[in-house]
């Protein structure tokens, strides 16, 4: 396990040595801050039953930067190493392939979680200034950030898989963005189709990230999305490991 932690620390440090990481962090904080400001301004002009916290995580503009950050975070994980040839030392040291894959995945996950830490300040500042609670309950915070973790794990695993398939970071980012976008809009099909049975709607809703966010942001923890995203993350990482092994033997 010591070798795995060494690989993990290497991946985490590599993010903060890359200008792309700071660009992503700045972009995300600016856009999310603007979204929060728009939400507060909108709620000041209208009477809305939902809380600021729930509105923030279900705001339509929330999803654009959310989907976009995953290709930016993961595009360099394997593609850059294959392009520069720095992947070769990893294939010669006594570490297992799954350790390499998991170290890169968890390194990306750590950076992803760091992106969300400042958003907690938005709600604290709102409560400090207005004297009103930003959420109806503490469970709403737990639910919101739990579904963000689950979605992040799944989408990052997709990014890992696309990055290991090519040497070009841009191509990896484009493939990842298209795959995540298709999965995201697949969950919206139930809102477009009118003549569908309730069973079909429930099935499509099972894959809807928006519906899952709406449920969890209310503080309702549904185990079905947890099983879905954890199992799909494991599947994507397994495929990534297989693809990495295949490419490694061709070096």
Protein backbone atom coordinates (compact mmCIF):
# COMPACT_ATOMS: atom_id res chain seq x y z
CA UNK A 1 0.00 0.00 0.00
CA UNK A 2 2.96 2.32 0.53
CA UNK A 3 3.66 2.28 -3.20
CA UNK A 4 0.03 3.11 -3.89
CA UNK A 5 0.12 6.11 -1.55
CA UNK A 6 3.35 7.22 -3.21
CA UNK A 7 1.65 7.10 -6.61
CA UNK A 8 -1.41 8.90 -5.21
CA UNK A 9 0.66 11.72 -3.71
CA UNK A 10 2.48 12.02 -7.05
CA UNK A 11 -0.81 12.46 -8.87
CA UNK A 12 -2.15 15.01 -6.40
CA UNK A 13 1.06 17.05 -6.59
CA UNK A 14 0.99 16.92 -10.38
CA UNK A 15 -2.34 18.76 -10.39
CA UNK A 16 -0.94 21.69 -8.45
CA UNK A 17 2.12 21.82 -10.71
CA UNK A 18 -0.11 22.16 -13.77
CA UNK A 19 -1.47 25.55 -14.94
CA UNK A 20 -4.58 23.78 -16.24
CA UNK A 21 -5.57 22.93 -12.67
CA UNK A 22 -5.51 26.58 -11.64
CA UNK A 23 -7.41 27.57 -14.78
CA UNK A 24 -10.09 24.99 -13.99
CA UNK A 25 -10.25 26.08 -10.35
CA UNK A 26 -10.55 29.76 -11.26
CA UNK A 27 -13.13 29.10 -13.97
CA UNK A 28 -15.25 26.93 -11.70
CA UNK A 29 -15.20 29.35 -8.75
CA UNK A 30 -16.05 32.34 -10.95
CA UNK A 31 -18.94 30.59 -12.68
CA UNK A 32 -20.33 29.02 -9.50
CA UNK A 33 -20.02 32.37 -7.69
CA UNK A 34 -21.91 34.13 -10.50
CA UNK A 35 -24.59 31.41 -10.37
CA UNK A 36 -25.01 31.86 -6.63
CA UNK A 37 -25.30 35.62 -7.03
CA UNK A 38 -27.92 35.20 -9.76
CA UNK A 39 -29.89 32.81 -7.56
CA UNK A 40 -29.94 35.20 -4.59
CA UNK A 41 -30.93 38.11 -6.85
CA UNK A 42 -33.69 36.03 -8.43
CA UNK A 43 -35.06 34.93 -5.05
CA UNK A 44 -35.06 38.53 -3.79
CA UNK A 45 -37.47 39.49 -6.57
CA UNK A 46 -39.81 36.51 -6.17
CA UNK A 47 -41.32 34.39 -3.45
CA UNK A 48 -39.99 30.83 -3.78
CA UNK A 49 -40.69 27.94 -1.43
CA UNK A 50 -37.35 26.16 -1.87
CA UNK A 51 -34.18 27.11 0.00
CA UNK A 52 -31.14 28.87 -1.43
CA UNK A 53 -29.14 25.66 -1.12
CA UNK A 54 -31.71 23.60 -2.99
CA UNK A 55 -32.13 26.24 -5.68
CA UNK A 56 -28.35 26.46 -6.17
CA UNK A 57 -27.95 22.74 -6.82
CA UNK A 58 -30.98 22.58 -9.12
CA UNK A 59 -30.35 25.84 -11.01
CA UNK A 60 -30.20 25.22 -14.76
CA UNK A 61 -26.87 27.08 -15.11
CA UNK A 62 -25.36 24.85 -12.43
CA UNK A 63 -25.06 21.93 -14.83
CA UNK A 64 -22.99 23.60 -17.56
CA UNK A 65 -19.77 24.12 -15.55
CA UNK A 66 -20.44 20.87 -13.70
CA UNK A 67 -20.31 18.76 -16.88
CA UNK A 68 -17.44 20.74 -18.37
CA UNK A 69 -14.97 20.29 -15.50
CA UNK A 70 -14.64 16.51 -15.85
CA UNK A 71 -13.00 16.45 -19.30
CA UNK A 72 -10.66 19.23 -18.15
CA UNK A 73 -9.66 17.35 -15.02
CA UNK A 74 -9.13 13.94 -16.61
CA UNK A 75 -7.90 14.63 -20.15
CA UNK A 76 -4.23 14.62 -19.12
CA UNK A 77 -4.25 11.63 -16.75
CA UNK A 78 -3.02 8.99 -19.19
CA UNK A 79 -2.94 10.79 -22.55
CA UNK A 80 -0.17 13.17 -21.53
CA UNK A 81 1.92 10.40 -19.98
CA UNK A 82 1.66 8.26 -23.12
CA UNK A 83 2.51 11.25 -25.30
CA UNK A 84 5.55 12.34 -23.26
CA UNK A 85 6.72 8.80 -22.57
CA UNK A 86 6.57 9.29 -18.80
CA UNK A 87 4.27 6.29 -18.54
CA UNK A 88 7.22 3.96 -19.20
CA UNK A 89 8.75 4.28 -15.70
CA UNK A 90 5.38 3.24 -14.26
CA UNK A 91 5.47 0.07 -16.35
CA UNK A 92 8.90 -0.91 -15.07
CA UNK A 93 8.52 -0.25 -11.33
CA UNK A 94 7.01 -3.04 -9.18
CA UNK A 95 3.46 -1.69 -8.99
CA UNK A 96 0.30 -3.31 -10.22
CA UNK A 97 -1.74 -1.85 -13.05
CA UNK A 98 -4.78 -1.37 -10.86
CA UNK A 99 -2.65 0.69 -8.46
CA UNK A 100 -1.66 3.02 -11.29
CA UNK A 101 -5.27 3.39 -12.41
CA UNK A 102 -6.64 3.94 -8.91
CA UNK A 103 -3.91 6.43 -8.02
CA UNK A 104 -4.82 8.54 -11.04
CA UNK A 105 -8.54 8.22 -10.35
CA UNK A 106 -8.27 9.19 -6.68
CA UNK A 107 -5.83 11.97 -7.52
CA UNK A 108 -8.47 13.43 -9.85
CA UNK A 109 -11.14 12.84 -7.21
CA UNK A 110 -9.14 14.74 -4.57
CA UNK A 111 -8.82 17.72 -6.92
CA UNK A 112 -12.53 17.49 -7.76
CA UNK A 113 -13.44 17.62 -4.06
CA UNK A 114 -11.16 20.61 -3.54
CA UNK A 115 -13.19 22.46 -6.19
CA UNK A 116 -16.33 22.13 -4.08
CA UNK A 117 -14.92 23.13 -0.69
CA UNK A 118 -15.18 26.90 -1.36
CA UNK A 119 -18.89 26.56 -2.24
CA UNK A 120 -19.57 25.89 1.44
CA UNK A 121 -18.52 29.49 2.05
CA UNK A 122 -21.35 30.73 -0.16
CA UNK A 123 -23.97 29.38 2.21
CA UNK A 124 -22.05 30.51 5.31
CA UNK A 125 -21.72 34.06 3.95
CA UNK A 126 -25.41 34.10 3.03
CA UNK A 127 -26.44 33.02 6.53
CA UNK A 128 -24.04 35.50 8.15
CA UNK A 129 -25.37 38.46 6.16
CA UNK A 130 -29.08 37.67 6.08
CA UNK A 131 -29.44 35.80 9.37
CA UNK A 132 -31.52 33.20 7.53
CA UNK A 133 -30.74 29.54 7.02
CA UNK A 134 -29.54 28.68 3.51
CA UNK A 135 -30.99 25.16 3.80
CA UNK A 136 -34.02 23.65 5.47
CA UNK A 137 -31.89 21.10 7.33
CA UNK A 138 -28.33 19.84 7.72
CA UNK A 139 -29.37 16.70 5.85
CA UNK A 140 -29.91 18.80 2.72
CA UNK A 141 -26.21 19.70 2.72
CA UNK A 142 -25.17 16.09 3.30
CA UNK A 143 -27.45 14.88 0.50
CA UNK A 144 -26.29 17.52 -1.98
CA UNK A 145 -22.60 16.90 -1.49
CA UNK A 146 -23.09 13.14 -1.38
CA UNK A 147 -24.69 13.10 -4.83
CA UNK A 148 -21.94 15.43 -6.06
CA UNK A 149 -19.41 12.87 -4.84
CA UNK A 150 -21.25 9.98 -6.52
CA UNK A 151 -21.69 11.81 -9.82
CA UNK A 152 -18.09 12.98 -9.67
CA UNK A 153 -16.80 9.44 -9.15
CA UNK A 154 -18.76 8.15 -12.13
CA UNK A 155 -17.90 10.99 -14.53
CA UNK A 156 -14.24 10.98 -13.50
CA UNK A 157 -14.05 7.25 -14.19
CA UNK A 158 -15.40 7.93 -17.68
CA UNK A 159 -12.70 10.55 -18.12
CA UNK A 160 -10.05 8.06 -17.01
CA UNK A 161 -11.25 5.56 -19.61
CA UNK A 162 -11.25 8.07 -22.47
CA UNK A 163 -7.81 9.39 -21.46
CA UNK A 164 -6.23 5.93 -21.55
CA UNK A 165 -7.49 5.34 -25.09
CA UNK A 166 -5.54 8.14 -26.79
CA UNK A 167 -2.32 10.12 -26.67
CA UNK A 168 -4.08 13.39 -27.50
CA UNK A 169 -5.48 15.33 -24.54
CA UNK A 170 -7.92 17.29 -26.70
CA UNK A 171 -9.36 14.15 -28.23
CA UNK A 172 -9.66 12.59 -24.76
CA UNK A 173 -11.48 15.70 -23.51
CA UNK A 174 -13.87 15.74 -26.47
CA UNK A 175 -14.73 12.04 -26.15
CA UNK A 176 -15.22 12.41 -22.40
CA UNK A 177 -17.40 15.50 -22.80
CA UNK A 178 -19.57 13.83 -25.44
CA UNK A 179 -20.01 10.65 -23.38
CA UNK A 180 -20.91 12.53 -20.19
CA UNK A 181 -23.26 14.88 -22.05
CA UNK A 182 -25.05 11.97 -23.72
CA UNK A 183 -25.48 10.22 -20.38
CA UNK A 184 -26.73 13.43 -18.82
CA UNK A 185 -29.32 14.14 -21.52
CA UNK A 186 -30.38 10.50 -21.59
CA UNK A 187 -31.87 11.13 -18.18
CA UNK A 188 -33.86 14.05 -19.61
CA UNK A 189 -35.65 11.92 -22.20
CA UNK A 190 -38.51 11.39 -19.76
CA UNK A 191 -39.16 15.15 -19.82
CA UNK A 192 -39.28 15.23 -23.63
CA UNK A 193 -41.35 12.15 -24.36
CA UNK A 194 -45.03 12.68 -23.61
CA UNK A 195 -46.62 9.38 -24.56
CA UNK A 196 -44.71 7.00 -22.30
CA UNK A 197 -45.82 4.66 -19.59
CA UNK A 198 -45.12 5.31 -15.93
CA UNK A 199 -42.79 2.30 -15.90
CA UNK A 200 -40.71 3.82 -18.69
CA UNK A 201 -40.63 7.16 -16.90
CA UNK A 202 -39.42 5.48 -13.71
CA UNK A 203 -36.74 3.61 -15.66
CA UNK A 204 -35.49 6.77 -17.37
CA UNK A 205 -35.68 8.66 -14.10
CA UNK A 206 -33.39 6.06 -12.56
CA UNK A 207 -30.61 7.41 -14.82
CA UNK A 208 -31.47 11.11 -14.44
CA UNK A 209 -28.74 13.10 -12.70
CA UNK A 210 -31.11 16.07 -12.38
CA UNK A 211 -33.74 13.97 -10.63
CA UNK A 212 -31.12 12.47 -8.32
CA UNK A 213 -29.83 15.94 -7.44
CA UNK A 214 -33.37 17.13 -6.77
CA UNK A 215 -33.99 14.22 -4.41
CA UNK A 216 -30.69 14.37 -2.53
CA UNK A 217 -30.70 18.18 -2.24
CA UNK A 218 -33.92 17.88 -0.24
CA UNK A 219 -32.10 15.65 2.22
CA UNK A 220 -33.70 12.44 0.95
CA UNK A 221 -31.01 9.75 0.59
CA UNK A 222 -32.06 7.19 -2.03
CA UNK A 223 -29.92 4.06 -2.12
CA UNK A 224 -30.66 3.31 -5.79
CA UNK A 225 -28.48 6.11 -7.23
CA UNK A 226 -25.75 5.14 -4.77
CA UNK A 227 -25.75 1.58 -6.10
CA UNK A 228 -25.93 2.83 -9.70
CA UNK A 229 -23.03 5.27 -9.54
CA UNK A 230 -20.74 3.10 -7.42
CA UNK A 231 -21.27 0.06 -9.66
CA UNK A 232 -20.81 2.09 -12.85
CA UNK A 233 -17.66 3.67 -11.44
CA UNK A 234 -16.23 0.22 -10.70
CA UNK A 235 -17.13 -0.91 -14.24
CA UNK A 236 -15.45 2.12 -15.85
CA UNK A 237 -12.31 1.69 -13.75
CA UNK A 238 -12.18 -2.01 -14.62
CA UNK A 239 -12.36 -1.14 -18.32
CA UNK A 240 -9.69 1.51 -17.79
CA UNK A 241 -7.40 -1.04 -16.16
CA UNK A 242 -7.92 -3.47 -19.05
CA UNK A 243 -7.23 -0.74 -21.61
CA UNK A 244 -4.11 0.35 -19.71
CA UNK A 245 -2.78 -3.22 -19.67
CA UNK A 246 -3.43 -3.53 -23.39
CA UNK A 247 -1.59 -0.31 -24.22
CA UNK A 248 1.25 -1.07 -21.82
CA UNK A 249 2.16 -4.29 -23.65
CA UNK A 250 2.37 -2.34 -26.93
CA UNK A 251 4.97 0.10 -25.57
